[in-house]
Amino acid sequence: MPGRKNKYPTYVEPYLAKVTKWARDGMFDKDIARALGVSVAVFSGYKNEYPELDKALKSGRRTAVTAIENALFAKALPHQKKVTTKEVYKSASGKGAGKQMIREEITEVDGDTTAAIFLLKAWEPDRYREKTEVNMNIAPVEIVDDIQTAIESRNHERSQDTD
């Protein structure tokens, strides 16, 4: 009994450029598989079997990740922001449209502390990690089955030390 026909040459390979775009746009593998008309399991197998598909996905995701990193970095730093406000004044008679005034001003925006902390932890984990490792050197503990014998032995050792 022959296996199923490979859909890669007709369902996936002609659309590798679209796969890259979809990955760049944030689509998940399951959504890309659905868009191509193959199951998630088959799509996953194709990623392992066809390096060009895996490369197309990684290329698209790398572009998206870079854009997000750049946006997060920009948000973490103080910057200027252009704010546009539109004011509408009624006419003196109260009838008809009045004057419109559009005002643009540039304001200073503080950097986003949360974004800055996240970037520092991601880029310099050795310097900015929250979790500190504690190395505790604890002497091994002797487990005693017979407590009475252990107490007598300890008392006997102490009495010899005082002699």
Foldseek 3Di string as FASTA:
>chain_A
DDDDDQCCVPQPVVCLLVLLQCLLVPDDLQVVCVVSPHHSVSSVVCVVVPVSSVVSNVNSNVNNVVVVLVVLVVQQAKDKDKDKDKDWDADPVNDDGGDIDIDIDIDIDHHDNVSVLVVCCVVPVVVRPPDDDDDDDDDDDDDDDDVVVVVVVVVVVVVVVVD
